[in-house]
Amino acid sequence: MIVAASKSKSKWYAALMIMVLAVVLAGCQIKPVLSKKTLNDYFNADTQVLVNAREIADQKMSQAKDNNRIMLNQKERKVIKKDRARVAEIQQKLSKAKMISDYPKSVQAYTQNVDRYLLLLESGSPKKALKQQFHKTSLIGTKIIAKHNNGKFTKTFRIVLAGDKLSGYKLTSKAYQNAGLSIKKNNKQKGKENASSVKSARLLPAKNKNDMAQQKKKTAQYQHRPAVRILEGMASFSAVMVILVVFLQPSKQDDSMSALADNSGATLFTRPKPRGYTLFLLRSTEFWLLVMVGALIYLELLAKPR
């Protein structure tokens, strides 16, 4: 009775361990692919959070010097903490997604920098550090719009550009030019940023359409590849088969009990070779494990951008 209970417990333990291993491997490798609309939503949400934080900072920075720390009150800290939770949720979703193109990586970098700005503001950092981090975040956002949104940016991001300009960073600087920002200049003020420079800002669309077309093509190719669907099915099916064949394998305690019951005692220290049904189950376990691992590895290779 005790032997039977121990045998059943051993099988369930082995099956549970294999199930956990399969779930971990599958979770690490089979990740969802984010659509362009979803990435745009994440980018716009990050930008709105950045603008909200900048409005709070502006109230404190107007009379402060560069080395002065910007200290928030309890109500303002609560708002920043809530916004950081929103950004952290976006970061978590991005970390679980498949990075098959440059766009999700860029949005992830932008989200991290927005969170960095919120952290600096919440912790009471100097005005200079806040301005530098805001400028860095603005440049990353500009690159994203230039490369992935065909140079069309929202009113919210225009506020980001206006805020960076108020911090003393020129929109005609080399850094913004490298990011893809171009300012239209009127005849009266050539070489200078006019009052409507943010409104007249345009992002250079030189290679944007080609980049967007390539990105859409790569995403569509990955999502609709028959090989991807087949491999995902193989990985899931092989995980189930591994659990099944492990559960069906006879317990090693049976061999130990039979060895103790043997009068000669010679088999106590010898391990009999598996034969017949037992050998078939062992080989089946090895086979399905190889299929599962191979499918997951090949899926990872298919997801890498070329």
C-alpha atoms as a PDB file:
ATOM      1  CA  MET A   1       0.000   0.000   0.000  1.00  0.00           C
ATOM      2  CA  ILE A   2       2.821   2.351   0.972  1.00  0.00           C
ATOM      3  CA  VAL A   3       4.824   1.305  -2.096  1.00  0.00           C
ATOM      4  CA  ALA A   4       1.881   2.029  -4.413  1.00  0.00           C
ATOM      5  CA  ALA A   5       1.331   5.466  -2.875  1.00  0.00           C
ATOM      6  CA  SER A   6       5.030   6.291  -3.146  1.00  0.00           C
ATOM      7  CA  LYS A   7       5.060   5.132  -6.772  1.00  0.00           C
ATOM      8  CA  SER A   8       2.095   7.357  -7.658  1.00  0.00           C
ATOM      9  CA  LYS A   9       3.636  10.316  -5.853  1.00  0.00           C
ATOM     10  CA  SER A  10       6.931   9.861  -7.725  1.00  0.00           C
ATOM     11  CA  LYS A  11       5.150   9.830 -11.084  1.00  0.00           C
ATOM     12  CA  TRP A  12       3.169  12.951 -10.312  1.00  0.00           C
ATOM     13  CA  TYR A  13       6.323  14.720  -9.128  1.00  0.00           C
ATOM     14  CA  ALA A  14       8.191  13.835 -12.327  1.00  0.00           C
ATOM     15  CA  ALA A  15       5.248  14.897 -14.493  1.00  0.00           C
ATOM     16  CA  LEU A  16       4.982  18.205 -12.624  1.00  0.00           C
ATOM     17  CA  MET A  17       8.681  18.927 -13.090  1.00  0.00           C
ATOM     18  CA  ILE A  18       8.495  18.241 -16.822  1.00  0.00           C
ATOM     19  CA  MET A  19       5.396  20.438 -17.101  1.00  0.00           C
ATOM     20  CA  VAL A  20       7.144  23.333 -15.341  1.00  0.00           C
ATOM     21  CA  LEU A  21      10.196  22.935 -17.580  1.00  0.00           C
ATOM     22  CA  ALA A  22       8.039  22.889 -20.714  1.00  0.00           C
ATOM     23  CA  VAL A  23       6.098  25.979 -19.652  1.00  0.00           C
ATOM     24  CA  VAL A  24       9.295  27.875 -18.822  1.00  0.00           C
ATOM     25  CA  LEU A  25      10.919  26.984 -22.127  1.00  0.00           C
ATOM     26  CA  ALA A  26       7.780  27.762 -24.099  1.00  0.00           C
ATOM     27  CA  GLY A  27       7.263  31.039 -22.258  1.00  0.00           C
ATOM     28  CA  CYS A  28      10.823  32.126 -22.933  1.00  0.00           C
ATOM     29  CA  GLN A  29      10.723  31.362 -26.621  1.00  0.00           C
ATOM     30  CA  ILE A  30       7.165  31.666 -27.966  1.00  0.00           C
ATOM     31  CA  LYS A  31       6.398  35.362 -27.550  1.00  0.00           C
ATOM     32  CA  PRO A  32       3.651  37.459 -29.148  1.00  0.00           C
ATOM     33  CA  VAL A  33       4.415  39.882 -31.974  1.00  0.00           C
ATOM     34  CA  LEU A  34       3.140  43.399 -31.289  1.00  0.00           C
ATOM     35  CA  SER A  35       1.294  45.164 -34.087  1.00  0.00           C
ATOM     36  CA  LYS A  36       2.220  48.649 -35.271  1.00  0.00           C
ATOM     37  CA  LYS A  37      -1.005  50.028 -33.790  1.00  0.00           C
ATOM     38  CA  THR A  38      -0.145  48.596 -30.380  1.00  0.00           C
ATOM     39  CA  LEU A  39       3.354  50.046 -30.515  1.00  0.00           C
ATOM     40  CA  ASN A  40       1.915  53.423 -31.535  1.00  0.00           C
ATOM     41  CA  ASP A  41      -0.447  53.284 -28.558  1.00  0.00           C
ATOM     42  CA  TYR A  42       2.469  52.542 -26.219  1.00  0.00           C
ATOM     43  CA  PHE A  43       4.498  55.395 -27.702  1.00  0.00           C
ATOM     44  CA  ASN A  44       1.611  57.871 -27.395  1.00  0.00           C
ATOM     45  CA  ALA A  45       0.888  56.778 -23.815  1.00  0.00           C
ATOM     46  CA  ASP A  46       4.557  57.273 -22.883  1.00  0.00           C
ATOM     47  CA  THR A  47       4.549  60.702 -24.530  1.00  0.00           C
ATOM     48  CA  GLN A  48       1.454  61.780 -22.609  1.00  0.00           C
ATOM     49  CA  VAL A  49       3.071  60.687 -19.346  1.00  0.00           C
ATOM     50  CA  LEU A  50       6.218  62.610 -20.273  1.00  0.00           C
ATOM     51  CA  VAL A  51       4.208  65.771 -20.992  1.00  0.00           C
ATOM     52  CA  ASN A  52       2.310  65.461 -17.708  1.00  0.00           C
ATOM     53  CA  ALA A  53       5.550  65.088 -15.787  1.00  0.00           C
ATOM     54  CA  ARG A  54       7.097  68.042 -17.616  1.00  0.00           C
ATOM     55  CA  GLU A  55       4.149  70.248 -16.666  1.00  0.00           C
ATOM     56  CA  ILE A  56       4.713  69.390 -13.005  1.00  0.00           C
ATOM     57  CA  ALA A  57       8.445  70.027 -13.345  1.00  0.00           C
ATOM     58  CA  ASP A  58       7.932  73.375 -15.097  1.00  0.00           C
ATOM     59  CA  GLN A  59       6.054  74.715 -12.085  1.00  0.00           C
ATOM     60  CA  LYS A  60       9.125  74.023  -9.949  1.00  0.00           C
ATOM     61  CA  MET A  61      11.895  74.834 -12.426  1.00  0.00           C
ATOM     62  CA  SER A  62      10.799  78.320 -13.454  1.00  0.00           C
ATOM     63  CA  GLN A  63      12.649  80.048 -10.618  1.00  0.00           C
ATOM     64  CA  ALA A  64      15.263  77.361  -9.912  1.00  0.00           C
ATOM     65  CA  LYS A  65      18.903  77.304 -10.970  1.00  0.00           C
ATOM     66  CA  ASP A  66      20.527  74.376 -12.781  1.00  0.00           C
ATOM     67  CA  ASN A  67      22.091  72.977  -9.609  1.00  0.00           C
ATOM     68  CA  ASN A  68      18.951  73.376  -7.499  1.00  0.00           C
ATOM     69  CA  ARG A  69      17.052  70.219  -6.675  1.00  0.00           C
ATOM     70  CA  ILE A  70      13.426  70.032  -7.783  1.00  0.00           C
ATOM     71  CA  MET A  71      11.411  68.916  -4.786  1.00  0.00           C
ATOM     72  CA  LEU A  72       7.822  67.718  -5.209  1.00  0.00           C
ATOM     73  CA  ASN A  73       5.064  67.791  -2.646  1.00  0.00           C
ATOM     74  CA  GLN A  74       3.132  64.712  -1.572  1.00  0.00           C
ATOM     75  CA  LYS A  75       0.321  65.216  -4.076  1.00  0.00           C
ATOM     76  CA  GLU A  76       2.745  65.621  -6.998  1.00  0.00           C
ATOM     77  CA  ARG A  77       4.702  62.534  -5.946  1.00  0.00           C
ATOM     78  CA  LYS A  78       1.473  60.550  -5.928  1.00  0.00           C
ATOM     79  CA  VAL A  79       0.762  61.614  -9.513  1.00  0.00           C
ATOM     80  CA  ILE A  80       4.285  60.696 -10.627  1.00  0.00           C
ATOM     81  CA  LYS A  81       4.064  57.351  -8.866  1.00  0.00           C
ATOM     82  CA  LYS A  82       0.819  56.571 -10.665  1.00  0.00           C
ATOM     83  CA  ASP A  83       2.358  57.500 -14.025  1.00  0.00           C
ATOM     84  CA  ARG A  84       5.384  55.314 -13.288  1.00  0.00           C
ATOM     85  CA  ALA A  85       3.036  52.387 -12.716  1.00  0.00           C
ATOM     86  CA  ARG A  86       1.525  52.971 -16.181  1.00  0.00           C
ATOM     87  CA  VAL A  87       4.977  53.081 -17.749  1.00  0.00           C
ATOM     88  CA  ALA A  88       6.052  49.952 -15.856  1.00  0.00           C
ATOM     89  CA  GLU A  89       3.036  48.108 -17.262  1.00  0.00           C
ATOM     90  CA  ILE A  90       4.084  49.070 -20.798  1.00  0.00           C
ATOM     91  CA  GLN A  91       7.648  47.966 -20.070  1.00  0.00           C
ATOM     92  CA  GLN A  92       6.405  44.592 -18.881  1.00  0.00           C
ATOM     93  CA  LYS A  93       4.324  44.064 -22.015  1.00  0.00           C
ATOM     94  CA  LEU A  94       7.261  45.017 -24.243  1.00  0.00           C
ATOM     95  CA  SER A  95       9.627  42.690 -22.397  1.00  0.00           C
ATOM     96  CA  LYS A  96       7.286  39.761 -23.104  1.00  0.00           C
ATOM     97  CA  ALA A  97       6.962  40.569 -26.817  1.00  0.00           C
ATOM     98  CA  LYS A  98       8.963  39.287 -29.771  1.00  0.00           C
ATOM     99  CA  MET A  99      11.479  41.875 -31.013  1.00  0.00           C
ATOM    100  CA  ILE A 100      11.485  41.058 -34.731  1.00  0.00           C
ATOM    101  CA  SER A 101      12.103  44.621 -35.919  1.00  0.00           C
ATOM    102  CA  ASP A 102      13.664  47.873 -34.758  1.00  0.00           C
ATOM    103  CA  TYR A 103      10.361  49.544 -33.845  1.00  0.00           C
ATOM    104  CA  PRO A 104       9.578  47.585 -30.633  1.00  0.00           C
ATOM    105  CA  LYS A 105      13.195  47.985 -29.522  1.00  0.00           C
ATOM    106  CA  SER A 106      12.987  51.746 -30.072  1.00  0.00           C
ATOM    107  CA  VAL A 107       9.689  52.017 -28.195  1.00  0.00           C
ATOM    108  CA  GLN A 108      11.207  49.982 -25.378  1.00  0.00           C
ATOM    109  CA  ALA A 109      14.181  52.373 -25.176  1.00  0.00           C
ATOM    110  CA  TYR A 110      11.810  55.362 -25.235  1.00  0.00           C
ATOM    111  CA  THR A 111       9.708  53.846 -22.427  1.00  0.00           C
ATOM    112  CA  GLN A 112      12.814  53.235 -20.318  1.00  0.00           C
ATOM    113  CA  ASN A 113      13.934  56.851 -20.738  1.00  0.00           C
ATOM    114  CA  VAL A 114      10.481  58.181 -19.861  1.00  0.00           C
ATOM    115  CA  ASP A 115      10.605  56.101 -16.695  1.00  0.00           C
ATOM    116  CA  ARG A 116      14.102  57.432 -16.004  1.00  0.00           C
ATOM    117  CA  TYR A 117      12.814  61.024 -16.244  1.00  0.00           C
ATOM    118  CA  LEU A 118       9.948  60.235 -13.858  1.00  0.00           C
ATOM    119  CA  LEU A 119      12.378  58.645 -11.410  1.00  0.00           C
ATOM    120  CA  LEU A 120      14.664  61.683 -11.469  1.00  0.00           C
ATOM    121  CA  LEU A 121      11.713  63.985 -10.902  1.00  0.00           C
ATOM    122  CA  GLU A 122      10.313  61.854  -8.095  1.00  0.00           C
ATOM    123  CA  SER A 123      13.664  61.578  -6.304  1.00  0.00           C
ATOM    124  CA  GLY A 124      14.293  65.341  -6.305  1.00  0.00           C
ATOM    125  CA  SER A 125      17.139  65.518  -8.830  1.00  0.00           C
ATOM    126  CA  PRO A 126      18.817  68.772  -9.925  1.00  0.00           C
ATOM    127  CA  LYS A 127      17.198  70.871 -12.628  1.00  0.00           C
ATOM    128  CA  LYS A 128      20.144  70.276 -14.979  1.00  0.00           C
ATOM    129  CA  ALA A 129      19.790  66.471 -14.764  1.00  0.00           C
ATOM    130  CA  LEU A 130      16.072  66.725 -15.514  1.00  0.00           C
ATOM    131  CA  LYS A 131      16.680  68.904 -18.574  1.00  0.00           C
ATOM    132  CA  GLN A 132      19.339  66.521 -19.904  1.00  0.00           C
ATOM    133  CA  GLN A 133      17.143  63.454 -19.456  1.00  0.00           C
ATOM    134  CA  PHE A 134      14.169  65.193 -21.077  1.00  0.00           C
ATOM    135  CA  HIS A 135      16.371  66.159 -24.039  1.00  0.00           C
ATOM    136  CA  LYS A 136      17.627  62.587 -24.410  1.00  0.00           C
ATOM    137  CA  THR A 137      14.069  61.237 -24.335  1.00  0.00           C
ATOM    138  CA  SER A 138      12.917  63.831 -26.860  1.00  0.00           C
ATOM    139  CA  LEU A 139      15.656  62.803 -29.290  1.00  0.00           C
ATOM    140  CA  ILE A 140      14.709  59.124 -29.033  1.00  0.00           C
ATOM    141  CA  GLY A 141      11.063  59.994 -29.680  1.00  0.00           C
ATOM    142  CA  THR A 142      12.032  62.111 -32.676  1.00  0.00           C
ATOM    143  CA  LYS A 143      13.982  59.207 -34.163  1.00  0.00           C
ATOM    144  CA  ILE A 144      11.000  56.903 -33.689  1.00  0.00           C
ATOM    145  CA  ILE A 145       8.654  59.272 -35.515  1.00  0.00           C
ATOM    146  CA  ALA A 146      11.180  59.911 -38.260  1.00  0.00           C
ATOM    147  CA  LYS A 147      11.824  56.249 -38.909  1.00  0.00           C
ATOM    148  CA  HIS A 148       8.591  54.474 -38.094  1.00  0.00           C
ATOM    149  CA  ASN A 149       5.722  56.983 -38.340  1.00  0.00           C
ATOM    150  CA  ASN A 150       6.578  58.599 -41.666  1.00  0.00           C
ATOM    151  CA  GLY A 151       7.485  61.914 -40.057  1.00  0.00           C
ATOM    152  CA  LYS A 152       4.010  62.596 -38.707  1.00  0.00           C
ATOM    153  CA  PHE A 153       3.904  63.402 -35.029  1.00  0.00           C
ATOM    154  CA  THR A 154       1.026  64.273 -32.751  1.00  0.00           C
ATOM    155  CA  LYS A 155       0.233  67.482 -30.922  1.00  0.00           C
ATOM    156  CA  THR A 156       1.397  65.811 -27.730  1.00  0.00           C
ATOM    157  CA  PHE A 157       4.880  65.237 -29.086  1.00  0.00           C
ATOM    158  CA  ARG A 158       4.983  68.817 -30.368  1.00  0.00           C
ATOM    159  CA  ILE A 159       4.623  69.836 -26.722  1.00  0.00           C
ATOM    160  CA  VAL A 160       7.671  67.683 -25.964  1.00  0.00           C
ATOM    161  CA  LEU A 161       9.658  69.539 -28.632  1.00  0.00           C
ATOM    162  CA  ALA A 162       8.450  72.881 -27.297  1.00  0.00           C
ATOM    163  CA  GLY A 163       9.474  71.901 -23.778  1.00  0.00           C
ATOM    164  CA  ASP A 164      12.926  70.861 -24.927  1.00  0.00           C
ATOM    165  CA  LYS A 165      13.299  74.154 -26.756  1.00  0.00           C
ATOM    166  CA  LEU A 166      12.363  76.055 -23.589  1.00  0.00           C
ATOM    167  CA  SER A 167      15.100  74.133 -21.778  1.00  0.00           C
ATOM    168  CA  GLY A 168      17.647  75.740 -24.093  1.00  0.00           C
ATOM    169  CA  TYR A 169      18.106  72.991 -26.679  1.00  0.00           C
ATOM    170  CA  LYS A 170      17.814  74.268 -30.242  1.00  0.00           C
ATOM    171  CA  LEU A 171      15.653  72.286 -32.608  1.00  0.00           C
ATOM    172  CA  THR A 172      18.121  73.141 -35.377  1.00  0.00           C
ATOM    173  CA  SER A 173      20.984  71.502 -33.490  1.00  0.00           C
ATOM    174  CA  LYS A 174      23.105  68.730 -34.949  1.00  0.00           C
ATOM    175  CA  ALA A 175      21.553  66.214 -32.568  1.00  0.00           C
ATOM    176  CA  TYR A 176      18.041  66.910 -33.840  1.00  0.00           C
ATOM    177  CA  GLN A 177      19.216  66.897 -37.436  1.00  0.00           C
ATOM    178  CA  ASN A 178      20.735  63.451 -36.893  1.00  0.00           C
ATOM    179  CA  ALA A 179      17.431  62.357 -35.340  1.00  0.00           C
ATOM    180  CA  GLY A 180      15.641  63.433 -38.528  1.00  0.00           C
ATOM    181  CA  LEU A 181      14.096  66.763 -37.525  1.00  0.00           C
ATOM    182  CA  SER A 182      13.967  69.538 -40.120  1.00  0.00           C
ATOM    183  CA  ILE A 183      12.741  73.065 -39.401  1.00  0.00           C
ATOM    184  CA  LYS A 184      11.123  75.167 -42.104  1.00  0.00           C
ATOM    185  CA  LYS A 185      12.620  78.654 -42.125  1.00  0.00           C
ATOM    186  CA  ASN A 186      10.959  81.778 -43.429  1.00  0.00           C
ATOM    187  CA  ASN A 187      12.732  84.403 -45.516  1.00  0.00           C
ATOM    188  CA  LYS A 188      12.879  86.967 -42.712  1.00  0.00           C
ATOM    189  CA  GLN A 189      14.643  84.731 -40.210  1.00  0.00           C
ATOM    190  CA  LYS A 190      16.918  82.444 -42.148  1.00  0.00           C
ATOM    191  CA  GLY A 191      19.199  80.406 -39.965  1.00  0.00           C
ATOM    192  CA  LYS A 192      17.131  81.137 -36.839  1.00  0.00           C
ATOM    193  CA  GLU A 193      14.255  79.344 -35.168  1.00  0.00           C
ATOM    194  CA  ASN A 194      11.124  81.446 -35.491  1.00  0.00           C
ATOM    195  CA  ALA A 195       8.230  81.555 -33.052  1.00  0.00           C
ATOM    196  CA  SER A 196       6.353  78.847 -34.941  1.00  0.00           C
ATOM    197  CA  SER A 197       9.342  76.556 -35.368  1.00  0.00           C
ATOM    198  CA  VAL A 198       7.713  73.715 -33.446  1.00  0.00           C
ATOM    199  CA  LYS A 199       4.534  73.989 -35.507  1.00  0.00           C
ATOM    200  CA  SER A 200       6.501  74.031 -38.752  1.00  0.00           C
ATOM    201  CA  ALA A 201       8.786  71.172 -37.742  1.00  0.00           C
ATOM    202  CA  ARG A 202       8.895  68.339 -40.236  1.00  0.00           C
ATOM    203  CA  LEU A 203      10.704  65.061 -40.046  1.00  0.00           C
ATOM    204  CA  LEU A 204      12.771  64.028 -43.014  1.00  0.00           C
ATOM    205  CA  PRO A 205      10.911  61.238 -44.837  1.00  0.00           C
ATOM    206  CA  ALA A 206      13.896  60.122 -46.933  1.00  0.00           C
ATOM    207  CA  LYS A 207      13.880  56.426 -46.070  1.00  0.00           C
ATOM    208  CA  ASN A 208      10.848  56.270 -43.831  1.00  0.00           C
ATOM    209  CA  LYS A 209       8.471  54.669 -46.320  1.00  0.00           C
ATOM    210  CA  ASN A 210      10.970  51.999 -47.220  1.00  0.00           C
ATOM    211  CA  ASP A 211      11.709  51.273 -43.551  1.00  0.00           C
ATOM    212  CA  MET A 212       8.015  51.030 -42.722  1.00  0.00           C
ATOM    213  CA  ALA A 213       7.360  48.774 -45.696  1.00  0.00           C
ATOM    214  CA  GLN A 214      10.222  46.493 -44.696  1.00  0.00           C
ATOM    215  CA  GLN A 215       9.030  46.379 -41.101  1.00  0.00           C
ATOM    216  CA  LYS A 216       5.470  45.484 -42.113  1.00  0.00           C
ATOM    217  CA  LYS A 217       6.787  42.884 -44.499  1.00  0.00           C
ATOM    218  CA  LYS A 218       8.987  41.262 -41.840  1.00  0.00           C
ATOM    219  CA  THR A 219       6.168  41.210 -39.296  1.00  0.00           C
ATOM    220  CA  ALA A 220       3.679  39.770 -41.764  1.00  0.00           C
ATOM    221  CA  GLN A 221       6.166  37.189 -42.989  1.00  0.00           C
ATOM    222  CA  TYR A 222       6.862  35.997 -39.462  1.00  0.00           C
ATOM    223  CA  GLN A 223       3.213  35.893 -38.397  1.00  0.00           C
ATOM    224  CA  HIS A 224       2.038  34.043 -41.509  1.00  0.00           C
ATOM    225  CA  ARG A 225       4.946  31.669 -41.954  1.00  0.00           C
ATOM    226  CA  PRO A 226       3.665  28.104 -42.073  1.00  0.00           C
ATOM    227  CA  ALA A 227       6.919  27.021 -40.418  1.00  0.00           C
ATOM    228  CA  VAL A 228       6.209  29.207 -37.383  1.00  0.00           C
ATOM    229  CA  ARG A 229       2.729  27.757 -36.904  1.00  0.00           C
ATOM    230  CA  ILE A 230       3.992  24.211 -37.396  1.00  0.00           C
ATOM    231  CA  LEU A 231       6.894  24.687 -34.967  1.00  0.00           C
ATOM    232  CA  GLU A 232       4.656  26.234 -32.312  1.00  0.00           C
ATOM    233  CA  GLY A 233       2.304  23.270 -32.649  1.00  0.00           C
ATOM    234  CA  MET A 234       5.198  20.816 -32.473  1.00  0.00           C
ATOM    235  CA  ALA A 235       6.589  22.480 -29.340  1.00  0.00           C
ATOM    236  CA  SER A 236       3.209  22.350 -27.574  1.00  0.00           C
ATOM    237  CA  PHE A 237       2.419  18.789 -28.676  1.00  0.00           C
ATOM    238  CA  SER A 238       5.875  17.463 -27.757  1.00  0.00           C
ATOM    239  CA  ALA A 239       5.594  19.047 -24.274  1.00  0.00           C
ATOM    240  CA  VAL A 240       2.326  17.170 -23.721  1.00  0.00           C
ATOM    241  CA  MET A 241       3.878  13.931 -24.996  1.00  0.00           C
ATOM    242  CA  VAL A 242       6.879  14.291 -22.678  1.00  0.00           C
ATOM    243  CA  ILE A 243       4.569  14.645 -19.682  1.00  0.00           C
ATOM    244  CA  LEU A 244       2.518  11.638 -20.823  1.00  0.00           C
ATOM    245  CA  VAL A 245       5.418   9.234 -21.407  1.00  0.00           C
ATOM    246  CA  VAL A 246       7.100  10.229 -18.133  1.00  0.00           C
ATOM    247  CA  PHE A 247       3.887   9.533 -16.277  1.00  0.00           C
ATOM    248  CA  LEU A 248       3.580   6.114 -17.951  1.00  0.00           C
ATOM    249  CA  GLN A 249       7.109   5.016 -17.066  1.00  0.00           C
ATOM    250  CA  PRO A 250       7.329   2.363 -14.330  1.00  0.00           C
ATOM    251  CA  SER A 251       8.727   3.555 -11.017  1.00  0.00           C
ATOM    252  CA  LYS A 252      12.294   2.641 -10.111  1.00  0.00           C
ATOM    253  CA  GLN A 253      11.027   1.597  -6.683  1.00  0.00           C
ATOM    254  CA  ASP A 254       9.493  -1.482  -8.295  1.00  0.00           C
ATOM    255  CA  ASP A 255      12.962  -2.686  -9.299  1.00  0.00           C
ATOM    256  CA  SER A 256      14.325  -1.975  -5.823  1.00  0.00           C
ATOM    257  CA  MET A 257      11.536  -3.900  -4.119  1.00  0.00           C
ATOM    258  CA  SER A 258      11.944  -6.862  -6.458  1.00  0.00           C
ATOM    259  CA  ALA A 259      15.687  -6.835  -5.829  1.00  0.00           C
ATOM    260  CA  LEU A 260      15.168  -6.933  -2.059  1.00  0.00           C
ATOM    261  CA  ALA A 261      12.681  -9.758  -2.419  1.00  0.00           C
ATOM    262  CA  ASP A 262      15.169 -11.807  -4.484  1.00  0.00           C
ATOM    263  CA  ASN A 263      16.632 -14.667  -2.404  1.00  0.00           C
ATOM    264  CA  SER A 264      20.058 -14.531  -4.039  1.00  0.00           C
ATOM    265  CA  GLY A 265      20.543 -10.810  -3.325  1.00  0.00           C
ATOM    266  CA  ALA A 266      22.813 -10.576  -6.359  1.00  0.00           C
ATOM    267  CA  THR A 267      20.471  -8.237  -8.195  1.00  0.00           C
ATOM    268  CA  LEU A 268      20.444  -5.736  -5.338  1.00  0.00           C
ATOM    269  CA  PHE A 269      23.545  -3.935  -6.616  1.00  0.00           C
ATOM    270  CA  THR A 270      22.993  -4.521 -10.316  1.00  0.00           C
ATOM    271  CA  ARG A 271      20.839  -2.305 -12.464  1.00  0.00           C
ATOM    272  CA  PRO A 272      18.899  -4.273 -15.064  1.00  0.00           C
ATOM    273  CA  LYS A 273      18.803  -2.828 -18.544  1.00  0.00           C
ATOM    274  CA  PRO A 274      15.403  -1.536 -19.630  1.00  0.00           C
ATOM    275  CA  ARG A 275      13.677  -3.743 -22.147  1.00  0.00           C
ATOM    276  CA  GLY A 276      10.447  -3.924 -24.071  1.00  0.00           C
ATOM    277  CA  TYR A 277       7.804  -1.438 -22.981  1.00  0.00           C
ATOM    278  CA  THR A 278      10.115   0.358 -20.515  1.00  0.00           C
ATOM    279  CA  LEU A 279      12.783   0.878 -23.169  1.00  0.00           C
ATOM    280  CA  PHE A 280      10.163   2.202 -25.584  1.00  0.00           C
ATOM    281  CA  LEU A 281       8.986   4.790 -23.035  1.00  0.00           C
ATOM    282  CA  LEU A 282      12.558   5.926 -22.302  1.00  0.00           C
ATOM    283  CA  ARG A 283      13.351   6.377 -25.975  1.00  0.00           C
ATOM    284  CA  SER A 284      10.035   8.172 -26.495  1.00  0.00           C
ATOM    285  CA  THR A 285      10.872  10.624 -23.700  1.00  0.00           C
ATOM    286  CA  GLU A 286      14.244  11.398 -25.242  1.00  0.00           C
ATOM    287  CA  PHE A 287      12.718  11.809 -28.699  1.00  0.00           C
ATOM    288  CA  TRP A 288       9.944  14.206 -27.663  1.00  0.00           C
ATOM    289  CA  LEU A 289      12.356  16.240 -25.524  1.00  0.00           C
ATOM    290  CA  LEU A 290      14.609  16.681 -28.550  1.00  0.00           C
ATOM    291  CA  VAL A 291      11.627  17.661 -30.707  1.00  0.00           C
ATOM    292  CA  MET A 292      10.453  20.259 -28.174  1.00  0.00           C
ATOM    293  CA  VAL A 293      13.898  21.823 -27.638  1.00  0.00           C
ATOM    294  CA  GLY A 294      14.667  21.780 -31.356  1.00  0.00           C
ATOM    295  CA  ALA A 295      11.361  23.466 -32.231  1.00  0.00           C
ATOM    296  CA  LEU A 296      11.879  26.204 -29.632  1.00  0.00           C
ATOM    297  CA  ILE A 297      15.433  26.886 -30.750  1.00  0.00           C
ATOM    298  CA  TYR A 298      14.415  27.081 -34.402  1.00  0.00           C
ATOM    299  CA  LEU A 299      11.548  29.435 -33.523  1.00  0.00           C
ATOM    300  CA  GLU A 300      14.047  31.749 -31.846  1.00  0.00           C
ATOM    301  CA  LEU A 301      16.255  31.667 -34.931  1.00  0.00           C
ATOM    302  CA  LEU A 302      13.300  32.504 -37.191  1.00  0.00           C
ATOM    303  CA  ALA A 303      12.381  35.491 -35.010  1.00  0.00           C
ATOM    304  CA  LYS A 304      15.790  37.134 -35.246  1.00  0.00           C
ATOM    305  CA  PRO A 305      15.907  40.012 -37.757  1.00  0.00           C
ATOM    306  CA  ARG A 306      18.140  39.384 -40.741  1.00  0.00           C
END
